[in-house]
Amino acid sequence: MKRFASVLVLFSLILSLLSFRFHPYHVGSMEFNYNKKSSTFEITGRFFMDDLENAVNKKYGKNLHFMDKKSEKEMQQILKSYASEYLKLKVNNQLTKVNFIGFEEDKESVDLFLESEPVANPKKIETAVSFLYNIFDDQMNIIHITINGNRKSEKLSFPNRYLYQQF
């Protein structure tokens, strides 16, 4: 009986260890909000901190950490490069420059802040968002685009990175 109980405990332990994951879903979000006053898109991205940290470290061969003040300035530069590669925006069939503003740590996530160059009367929006695709083949990004109070949302799952919306 003791042997059976020991085998049962061992089997349960192995089964629980095999099914354990840190967070089984790799999800991020990007919000594109058109500011009529400035004629720009204010863009906010939110990703799990450890996922984004691993993605930029793998991409650039670094060992940077978000919560480390010594890494903050270099992380700012790395995220600027990363965002320019993994985020593209076209408005009315014209590629639109997107500027990286900065980032903010929020417990388990990181918020990225970006802003487009001014664009007039946005009607056709095309985005290419592939944040974290360089490390996760199950990455999902939820994209929200808001123009004049009209919000459209869609999910992009690896390998799909393109979203087209008409307003």
Protein backbone atom coordinates (compact mmCIF):
# COMPACT_ATOMS: atom_id res chain seq x y z
CA MET A 1 0.00 0.00 0.00
CA LYS A 2 2.88 2.38 0.82
CA ARG A 3 4.43 1.66 -2.57
CA PHE A 4 1.15 2.42 -4.34
CA ALA A 5 0.79 5.72 -2.46
CA SER A 6 4.41 6.66 -3.28
CA VAL A 7 3.91 5.90 -6.98
CA LEU A 8 0.65 7.88 -6.98
CA VAL A 9 2.32 10.92 -5.35
CA LEU A 10 5.27 10.71 -7.75
CA PHE A 11 2.96 10.39 -10.76
CA SER A 12 0.89 13.39 -9.59
CA LEU A 13 4.03 15.46 -9.09
CA ILE A 14 5.37 14.64 -12.57
CA LEU A 15 1.99 15.34 -14.16
CA SER A 16 1.67 18.71 -12.43
CA LEU A 17 5.23 19.71 -13.43
CA LEU A 18 4.60 18.78 -17.06
CA SER A 19 1.45 20.88 -17.21
CA PHE A 20 3.00 23.97 -15.56
CA ARG A 21 3.61 27.11 -17.66
CA PHE A 22 4.40 30.69 -16.64
CA HIS A 23 1.59 32.15 -18.70
CA PRO A 24 0.36 29.92 -21.48
CA TYR A 25 -1.00 32.74 -23.60
CA HIS A 26 1.28 35.19 -25.35
CA VAL A 27 -0.92 38.23 -25.84
CA GLY A 28 -0.19 41.88 -26.44
CA SER A 29 -2.29 44.85 -27.44
CA MET A 30 -1.81 47.94 -29.58
CA GLU A 31 -4.12 50.96 -29.50
CA PHE A 32 -4.09 53.46 -32.37
CA ASN A 33 -6.08 56.55 -31.31
CA TYR A 34 -6.40 59.39 -33.79
CA ASN A 35 -6.03 62.80 -32.14
CA LYS A 36 -7.92 65.28 -34.29
CA LYS A 37 -6.21 68.32 -32.70
CA SER A 38 -2.68 67.19 -33.48
CA SER A 39 -3.68 65.11 -36.56
CA THR A 40 -1.56 62.24 -35.21
CA PHE A 41 -2.14 58.69 -34.10
CA GLU A 42 -1.26 58.23 -30.45
CA ILE A 43 -0.19 54.61 -30.15
CA THR A 44 0.06 52.55 -26.98
CA GLY A 45 1.30 48.98 -26.80
CA ARG A 46 1.02 46.71 -23.78
CA PHE A 47 2.99 43.49 -23.40
CA PHE A 48 3.99 41.13 -20.63
CA MET A 49 7.25 42.47 -19.21
CA ASP A 50 9.17 39.18 -19.31
CA ASP A 51 8.07 38.45 -22.89
CA LEU A 52 9.14 41.84 -24.22
CA GLU A 53 12.39 41.70 -22.25
CA ASN A 54 13.19 38.26 -23.71
CA ALA A 55 12.28 39.40 -27.25
CA VAL A 56 14.57 42.44 -27.25
CA ASN A 57 17.40 40.60 -25.51
CA LYS A 58 17.26 37.78 -28.05
CA LYS A 59 16.98 40.17 -31.00
CA TYR A 60 19.93 42.37 -29.97
CA GLY A 61 22.07 39.87 -28.01
CA LYS A 62 21.71 41.85 -24.78
CA ASN A 63 20.95 41.08 -21.14
CA LEU A 64 18.79 44.07 -20.20
CA HIS A 65 16.07 44.14 -17.55
CA PHE A 66 13.13 46.51 -17.23
CA MET A 67 13.26 46.94 -13.47
CA ASP A 68 17.00 47.71 -13.52
CA LYS A 69 17.63 51.48 -13.52
CA LYS A 70 21.10 50.91 -15.01
CA SER A 71 19.46 49.42 -18.14
CA GLU A 72 16.83 52.13 -18.57
CA LYS A 73 18.65 54.36 -21.09
CA GLU A 74 19.85 51.45 -23.22
CA MET A 75 16.41 49.81 -23.01
CA GLN A 76 14.92 53.07 -24.34
CA GLN A 77 17.20 52.90 -27.41
CA ILE A 78 16.65 49.17 -27.94
CA LEU A 79 12.85 49.54 -27.76
CA LYS A 80 12.99 52.40 -30.25
CA SER A 81 14.82 50.13 -32.72
CA TYR A 82 12.57 47.16 -31.97
CA ALA A 83 9.38 49.20 -32.46
CA SER A 84 10.61 50.65 -35.75
CA GLU A 85 11.14 47.12 -37.08
CA TYR A 86 8.00 45.42 -35.72
CA LEU A 87 5.42 48.21 -36.18
CA LYS A 88 4.47 49.88 -39.46
CA LEU A 89 1.58 52.24 -40.19
CA LYS A 90 0.09 53.30 -43.51
CA VAL A 91 -2.61 55.95 -43.69
CA ASN A 92 -4.51 56.53 -46.94
CA ASN A 93 -1.95 54.37 -48.81
CA GLN A 94 1.01 56.42 -47.52
CA LEU A 95 3.64 54.95 -45.19
CA THR A 96 3.52 57.08 -42.05
CA LYS A 97 6.51 57.62 -39.79
CA VAL A 98 5.99 56.48 -36.20
CA ASN A 99 8.14 57.94 -33.43
CA PHE A 100 8.94 56.06 -30.24
CA ILE A 101 8.16 58.28 -27.23
CA GLY A 102 9.03 56.00 -24.33
CA PHE A 103 7.92 53.18 -22.07
CA GLU A 104 6.50 52.68 -18.62
CA GLU A 105 6.69 49.60 -16.41
CA ASP A 106 3.43 48.52 -14.81
CA LYS A 107 3.96 45.56 -12.45
CA GLU A 108 3.92 42.59 -14.87
CA SER A 109 3.52 44.55 -18.10
CA VAL A 110 5.22 47.27 -20.08
CA ASP A 111 3.41 50.08 -21.86
CA LEU A 112 5.05 51.50 -24.98
CA PHE A 113 4.16 54.99 -26.21
CA LEU A 114 4.49 56.05 -29.84
CA GLU A 115 3.12 58.81 -32.05
CA SER A 116 2.70 59.06 -35.80
CA GLU A 117 3.65 62.04 -37.90
CA PRO A 118 0.63 64.26 -38.69
CA VAL A 119 -1.85 62.83 -41.18
CA ALA A 120 -4.98 64.52 -42.51
CA ASN A 121 -8.37 62.86 -42.80
CA PRO A 122 -7.46 59.19 -42.16
CA LYS A 123 -9.84 56.86 -44.01
CA LYS A 124 -7.83 53.75 -44.88
CA ILE A 125 -5.56 52.41 -42.15
CA GLU A 126 -3.07 49.59 -42.65
CA THR A 127 -0.89 48.29 -39.84
CA ALA A 128 1.82 45.69 -39.65
CA VAL A 129 2.26 44.59 -36.05
CA SER A 130 4.58 41.70 -35.26
CA PHE A 131 5.73 42.43 -31.70
CA LEU A 132 7.12 39.27 -30.06
CA TYR A 133 6.79 37.22 -33.27
CA ASN A 134 10.57 36.82 -33.14
CA ILE A 135 10.25 34.52 -30.10
CA PHE A 136 6.68 33.15 -29.96
CA ASP A 137 4.90 31.30 -32.73
CA ASP A 138 1.68 31.48 -30.72
CA GLN A 139 1.80 35.27 -30.17
CA MET A 140 -1.53 37.08 -30.48
CA ASN A 141 -1.83 40.87 -30.71
CA ILE A 142 -5.14 42.63 -30.21
CA ILE A 143 -5.30 45.79 -32.34
CA HIS A 144 -7.69 48.67 -31.64
CA ILE A 145 -8.00 51.60 -34.04
CA THR A 146 -10.11 54.59 -33.04
CA ILE A 147 -10.89 57.53 -35.32
CA ASN A 148 -13.43 60.19 -34.32
CA GLY A 149 -14.96 57.90 -31.71
CA ASN A 150 -15.37 55.00 -34.15
CA ARG A 151 -13.42 52.02 -32.78
CA LYS A 152 -12.55 48.89 -34.72
CA SER A 153 -10.74 45.95 -33.16
CA GLU A 154 -9.20 42.80 -34.50
CA LYS A 155 -6.95 39.99 -33.37
CA LEU A 156 -3.72 39.21 -35.22
CA SER A 157 -2.22 35.78 -34.58
CA PHE A 158 1.21 34.62 -35.67
CA PRO A 159 2.17 34.67 -38.52
CA ASN A 160 -0.49 37.20 -39.61
CA ARG A 161 0.77 40.72 -38.99
CA TYR A 162 -1.35 42.83 -41.33
CA LEU A 163 -4.59 44.65 -40.53
CA TYR A 164 -6.61 46.77 -42.95
CA GLN A 165 -9.47 49.01 -41.79
CA GLN A 166 -11.68 51.50 -43.62
CA PHE A 167 -13.27 54.40 -41.75
